[in-house]
Amino acid sequence: MTVNIQYVGVDVSATLSSFTKEKLEKLFNRYEFLISAAVHFKQDEKDYKEGKICNIELSLPGPRIFATSNERNFEVSVRETISDLDRQLKKRKQVYKTH
């Protein structure tokens, strides 16, 4: 499992990195065909209520899977993004089963 985490305009946080890796580890254990993940954390200066953006791109055989979310803090944003990715991976896994 390879996880590349980048912070764009945000201070680097070891706790956020470990939280994200822990959540992604569950996905990697559930879906054995995953290769790597690229995570980007951004801060939207114009959005005061939310503005904490998490982008995750998963590399796997075939087209890559991408999800993003904009929430009030990064932990909620990570959970929402991983939930979206899990939904996409379930669909992809069913495609692999039929062939």
N, C-alpha and C. Protein backbone atom coordinates (compact mmCIF):
# COMPACT_ATOMS: atom_id res chain seq x y z
N MET A 1 0.84 -1.19 0.00
CA MET A 1 0.00 0.00 0.00
C MET A 1 0.88 1.24 0.00
N THR A 2 0.70 2.07 -0.98
CA THR A 2 1.43 3.32 -1.09
C THR A 2 0.45 4.48 -0.95
N VAL A 3 0.71 5.35 0.03
CA VAL A 3 -0.15 6.51 0.24
C VAL A 3 0.73 7.76 0.16
N ASN A 4 0.38 8.66 -0.75
CA ASN A 4 1.09 9.91 -0.93
C ASN A 4 0.18 11.04 -0.47
N ILE A 5 0.55 11.73 0.62
CA ILE A 5 -0.28 12.80 1.17
C ILE A 5 0.41 14.14 0.93
N GLN A 6 -0.34 15.08 0.35
CA GLN A 6 0.17 16.42 0.11
C GLN A 6 -0.74 17.45 0.75
N TYR A 7 -0.13 18.47 1.32
CA TYR A 7 -0.86 19.57 1.94
C TYR A 7 -0.65 20.81 1.08
N VAL A 8 -1.72 21.34 0.52
CA VAL A 8 -1.65 22.50 -0.37
C VAL A 8 -2.19 23.71 0.39
N GLY A 9 -1.30 24.60 0.81
CA GLY A 9 -1.71 25.80 1.53
C GLY A 9 -2.19 25.53 2.94
N VAL A 10 -1.84 24.37 3.48
CA VAL A 10 -2.27 23.96 4.83
C VAL A 10 -1.04 23.44 5.57
N ASP A 11 -0.98 23.68 6.87
CA ASP A 11 0.12 23.16 7.67
C ASP A 11 0.07 21.64 7.72
N VAL A 12 1.24 21.01 7.68
CA VAL A 12 1.33 19.55 7.74
C VAL A 12 0.94 19.08 9.13
N SER A 13 0.10 18.04 9.18
CA SER A 13 -0.39 17.51 10.44
C SER A 13 -0.12 16.00 10.50
N ALA A 14 0.66 15.57 11.48
CA ALA A 14 0.97 14.15 11.64
C ALA A 14 -0.27 13.37 12.06
N THR A 15 -1.12 13.96 12.90
CA THR A 15 -2.33 13.25 13.34
C THR A 15 -3.31 13.07 12.18
N LEU A 16 -3.44 14.08 11.34
CA LEU A 16 -4.32 13.97 10.17
C LEU A 16 -3.78 12.93 9.18
N SER A 17 -2.47 12.89 9.02
CA SER A 17 -1.86 11.90 8.13
C SER A 17 -2.10 10.49 8.64
N SER A 18 -1.91 10.27 9.94
CA SER A 18 -2.12 8.93 10.49
C SER A 18 -3.60 8.54 10.45
N PHE A 19 -4.49 9.49 10.69
CA PHE A 19 -5.93 9.24 10.61
C PHE A 19 -6.32 8.82 9.19
N THR A 20 -5.80 9.53 8.21
CA THR A 20 -6.10 9.24 6.81
C THR A 20 -5.55 7.87 6.41
N LYS A 21 -4.31 7.57 6.81
CA LYS A 21 -3.71 6.27 6.48
C LYS A 21 -4.49 5.14 7.12
N GLU A 22 -4.97 5.35 8.34
CA GLU A 22 -5.76 4.33 9.04
C GLU A 22 -7.06 4.04 8.29
N LYS A 23 -7.74 5.09 7.83
CA LYS A 23 -8.98 4.91 7.08
C LYS A 23 -8.73 4.25 5.72
N LEU A 24 -7.65 4.66 5.06
CA LEU A 24 -7.33 4.06 3.76
C LEU A 24 -6.89 2.61 3.90
N GLU A 25 -6.26 2.27 5.01
CA GLU A 25 -5.83 0.89 5.25
C GLU A 25 -7.02 -0.06 5.21
N LYS A 26 -8.16 0.38 5.74
CA LYS A 26 -9.36 -0.45 5.71
C LYS A 26 -9.81 -0.70 4.27
N LEU A 27 -9.73 0.32 3.42
CA LEU A 27 -10.09 0.14 2.01
C LEU A 27 -9.12 -0.83 1.32
N PHE A 28 -7.82 -0.66 1.59
CA PHE A 28 -6.81 -1.51 0.97
C PHE A 28 -6.98 -2.96 1.41
N ASN A 29 -7.40 -3.18 2.65
CA ASN A 29 -7.63 -4.55 3.13
C ASN A 29 -8.88 -5.15 2.51
N ARG A 30 -9.89 -4.37 2.27
CA ARG A 30 -11.16 -4.85 1.73
C ARG A 30 -11.07 -5.11 0.23
N TYR A 31 -10.32 -4.26 -0.48
CA TYR A 31 -10.20 -4.38 -1.94
C TYR A 31 -8.74 -4.64 -2.29
N GLU A 32 -8.44 -5.90 -2.58
CA GLU A 32 -7.05 -6.31 -2.79
C GLU A 32 -6.45 -5.79 -4.09
N PHE A 33 -7.27 -5.30 -5.02
CA PHE A 33 -6.76 -4.84 -6.31
C PHE A 33 -6.27 -3.40 -6.29
N LEU A 34 -6.35 -2.70 -5.16
CA LEU A 34 -5.87 -1.32 -5.06
C LEU A 34 -4.35 -1.28 -5.07
N ILE A 35 -3.80 -0.28 -5.76
CA ILE A 35 -2.35 -0.16 -5.86
C ILE A 35 -1.82 0.95 -4.96
N SER A 36 -2.37 2.17 -5.12
CA SER A 36 -1.88 3.31 -4.34
C SER A 36 -2.97 4.37 -4.21
N ALA A 37 -2.69 5.34 -3.35
CA ALA A 37 -3.61 6.45 -3.12
C ALA A 37 -2.83 7.75 -3.08
N ALA A 38 -3.41 8.78 -3.70
CA ALA A 38 -2.86 10.14 -3.65
C ALA A 38 -3.89 11.02 -2.95
N VAL A 39 -3.48 11.64 -1.85
CA VAL A 39 -4.38 12.45 -1.03
C VAL A 39 -3.90 13.90 -1.06
N HIS A 40 -4.84 14.83 -1.27
CA HIS A 40 -4.51 16.26 -1.28
C HIS A 40 -5.45 16.97 -0.31
N PHE A 41 -4.88 17.71 0.62
CA PHE A 41 -5.66 18.54 1.53
C PHE A 41 -5.50 19.99 1.12
N LYS A 42 -6.63 20.70 1.01
CA LYS A 42 -6.61 22.10 0.61
C LYS A 42 -7.52 22.90 1.53
N GLN A 43 -7.26 24.19 1.58
CA GLN A 43 -8.09 25.13 2.35
C GLN A 43 -8.68 26.13 1.37
N ASP A 44 -10.02 26.23 1.35
CA ASP A 44 -10.68 27.23 0.51
C ASP A 44 -10.88 28.49 1.34
N GLU A 45 -10.16 29.53 1.00
CA GLU A 45 -10.19 30.77 1.78
C GLU A 45 -11.53 31.50 1.65
N LYS A 46 -12.26 31.28 0.57
CA LYS A 46 -13.51 32.00 0.34
C LYS A 46 -14.69 31.39 1.09
N ASP A 47 -14.59 30.12 1.44
CA ASP A 47 -15.69 29.41 2.10
C ASP A 47 -15.40 29.35 3.61
N TYR A 48 -16.11 30.18 4.38
CA TYR A 48 -15.83 30.26 5.81
C TYR A 48 -16.52 29.16 6.61
N LYS A 49 -17.69 28.69 6.17
CA LYS A 49 -18.41 27.65 6.91
C LYS A 49 -17.75 26.30 6.76
N GLU A 50 -17.35 25.98 5.55
CA GLU A 50 -16.73 24.69 5.30
C GLU A 50 -15.29 24.94 4.86
N GLY A 51 -14.95 24.70 3.63
CA GLY A 51 -13.64 25.10 3.12
C GLY A 51 -12.51 24.13 3.34
N LYS A 52 -12.73 23.02 4.04
CA LYS A 52 -11.67 22.02 4.24
C LYS A 52 -11.88 20.94 3.17
N ILE A 53 -11.04 20.94 2.15
CA ILE A 53 -11.22 20.07 1.00
C ILE A 53 -10.24 18.91 1.05
N CYS A 54 -10.77 17.72 0.82
CA CYS A 54 -9.96 16.51 0.75
C CYS A 54 -10.20 15.84 -0.60
N ASN A 55 -9.14 15.67 -1.39
CA ASN A 55 -9.20 14.97 -2.67
C ASN A 55 -8.42 13.67 -2.53
N ILE A 56 -9.03 12.55 -2.92
CA ILE A 56 -8.33 11.27 -2.90
C ILE A 56 -8.49 10.61 -4.27
N GLU A 57 -7.36 10.19 -4.82
CA GLU A 57 -7.36 9.48 -6.10
C GLU A 57 -6.74 8.11 -5.87
N LEU A 58 -7.49 7.06 -6.21
CA LEU A 58 -7.02 5.69 -6.04
C LEU A 58 -6.54 5.13 -7.37
N SER A 59 -5.39 4.49 -7.33
CA SER A 59 -4.84 3.85 -8.51
C SER A 59 -5.15 2.35 -8.43
N LEU A 60 -5.71 1.81 -9.50
CA LEU A 60 -6.07 0.41 -9.57
C LEU A 60 -6.09 0.01 -11.03
N PRO A 61 -6.19 -1.28 -11.34
CA PRO A 61 -6.25 -1.68 -12.75
C PRO A 61 -7.46 -1.04 -13.42
N GLY A 62 -7.25 -0.49 -14.60
CA GLY A 62 -8.31 0.23 -15.29
C GLY A 62 -8.26 1.70 -14.95
N PRO A 63 -9.37 2.41 -15.17
CA PRO A 63 -9.39 3.84 -14.87
C PRO A 63 -9.25 4.12 -13.37
N ARG A 64 -8.64 5.22 -13.05
CA ARG A 64 -8.48 5.62 -11.65
C ARG A 64 -9.82 6.09 -11.09
N ILE A 65 -9.92 6.00 -9.77
CA ILE A 65 -11.13 6.44 -9.07
C ILE A 65 -10.78 7.69 -8.27
N PHE A 66 -11.65 8.69 -8.34
CA PHE A 66 -11.40 9.97 -7.68
C PHE A 66 -12.64 10.41 -6.91
N ALA A 67 -12.42 10.98 -5.73
CA ALA A 67 -13.51 11.55 -4.95
C ALA A 67 -12.99 12.77 -4.21
N THR A 68 -13.89 13.70 -3.96
CA THR A 68 -13.53 14.91 -3.22
C THR A 68 -14.70 15.31 -2.33
N SER A 69 -14.39 16.00 -1.24
CA SER A 69 -15.44 16.53 -0.39
C SER A 69 -14.97 17.82 0.26
N ASN A 70 -15.93 18.66 0.61
CA ASN A 70 -15.69 19.96 1.19
C ASN A 70 -16.53 20.04 2.46
N GLU A 71 -15.89 19.95 3.62
CA GLU A 71 -16.60 19.89 4.90
C GLU A 71 -16.06 20.94 5.86
N ARG A 72 -16.58 20.90 7.10
CA ARG A 72 -16.20 21.91 8.10
C ARG A 72 -14.83 21.63 8.73
N ASN A 73 -14.38 20.35 8.76
CA ASN A 73 -13.02 20.05 9.18
C ASN A 73 -12.47 18.88 8.37
N PHE A 74 -11.18 18.66 8.42
CA PHE A 74 -10.55 17.69 7.56
C PHE A 74 -10.93 16.25 7.90
N GLU A 75 -11.17 15.94 9.17
CA GLU A 75 -11.53 14.57 9.54
C GLU A 75 -12.86 14.17 8.92
N VAL A 76 -13.85 15.06 8.98
CA VAL A 76 -15.16 14.79 8.37
C VAL A 76 -15.00 14.69 6.86
N SER A 77 -14.16 15.54 6.29
CA SER A 77 -13.92 15.53 4.86
C SER A 77 -13.29 14.20 4.42
N VAL A 78 -12.35 13.69 5.20
CA VAL A 78 -11.72 12.39 4.89
C VAL A 78 -12.76 11.28 4.95
N ARG A 79 -13.57 11.26 5.99
CA ARG A 79 -14.60 10.22 6.12
C ARG A 79 -15.57 10.24 4.95
N GLU A 80 -16.01 11.42 4.56
CA GLU A 80 -16.96 11.55 3.46
C GLU A 80 -16.34 11.11 2.14
N THR A 81 -15.10 11.49 1.91
CA THR A 81 -14.42 11.12 0.68
C THR A 81 -14.21 9.61 0.60
N ILE A 82 -13.81 9.00 1.70
CA ILE A 82 -13.60 7.54 1.71
C ILE A 82 -14.92 6.81 1.55
N SER A 83 -15.99 7.36 2.10
CA SER A 83 -17.30 6.76 1.91
C SER A 83 -17.69 6.78 0.43
N ASP A 84 -17.42 7.88 -0.25
CA ASP A 84 -17.70 7.97 -1.69
C ASP A 84 -16.85 6.98 -2.47
N LEU A 85 -15.58 6.85 -2.10
CA LEU A 85 -14.70 5.91 -2.78
C LEU A 85 -15.16 4.47 -2.56
N ASP A 86 -15.61 4.17 -1.36
CA ASP A 86 -16.08 2.81 -1.05
C ASP A 86 -17.27 2.46 -1.95
N ARG A 87 -18.17 3.40 -2.13
CA ARG A 87 -19.33 3.19 -2.99
C ARG A 87 -18.89 2.90 -4.43
N GLN A 88 -17.91 3.65 -4.92
CA GLN A 88 -17.41 3.44 -6.28
C GLN A 88 -16.69 2.10 -6.40
N LEU A 89 -15.95 1.72 -5.37
CA LEU A 89 -15.20 0.46 -5.40
C LEU A 89 -16.13 -0.75 -5.37
N LYS A 90 -17.25 -0.64 -4.66
CA LYS A 90 -18.22 -1.74 -4.65
C LYS A 90 -18.74 -1.98 -6.06
N LYS A 91 -19.04 -0.91 -6.78
CA LYS A 91 -19.50 -1.04 -8.17
C LYS A 91 -18.41 -1.65 -9.04
N ARG A 92 -17.17 -1.20 -8.86
CA ARG A 92 -16.06 -1.71 -9.66
C ARG A 92 -15.81 -3.19 -9.37
N LYS A 93 -15.93 -3.58 -8.12
CA LYS A 93 -15.70 -4.98 -7.75
C LYS A 93 -16.72 -5.90 -8.40
N GLN A 94 -17.96 -5.44 -8.51
CA GLN A 94 -18.99 -6.25 -9.17
C GLN A 94 -18.67 -6.41 -10.66
N VAL A 95 -18.08 -5.42 -11.29
CA VAL A 95 -17.68 -5.52 -12.69
C VAL A 95 -16.59 -6.58 -12.83
N TYR A 96 -15.65 -6.60 -11.88
CA TYR A 96 -14.58 -7.60 -11.93
C TYR A 96 -15.13 -9.01 -11.74
N LYS A 97 -16.15 -9.18 -10.91
CA LYS A 97 -16.72 -10.50 -10.66
C LYS A 97 -17.40 -11.09 -11.89
N THR A 98 -18.03 -10.25 -12.71
CA THR A 98 -18.78 -10.76 -13.85
C THR A 98 -17.86 -11.23 -14.97
N HIS A 99 -16.61 -10.79 -15.01
CA HIS A 99 -15.72 -11.15 -16.11
C HIS A 99 -14.76 -12.22 -15.71
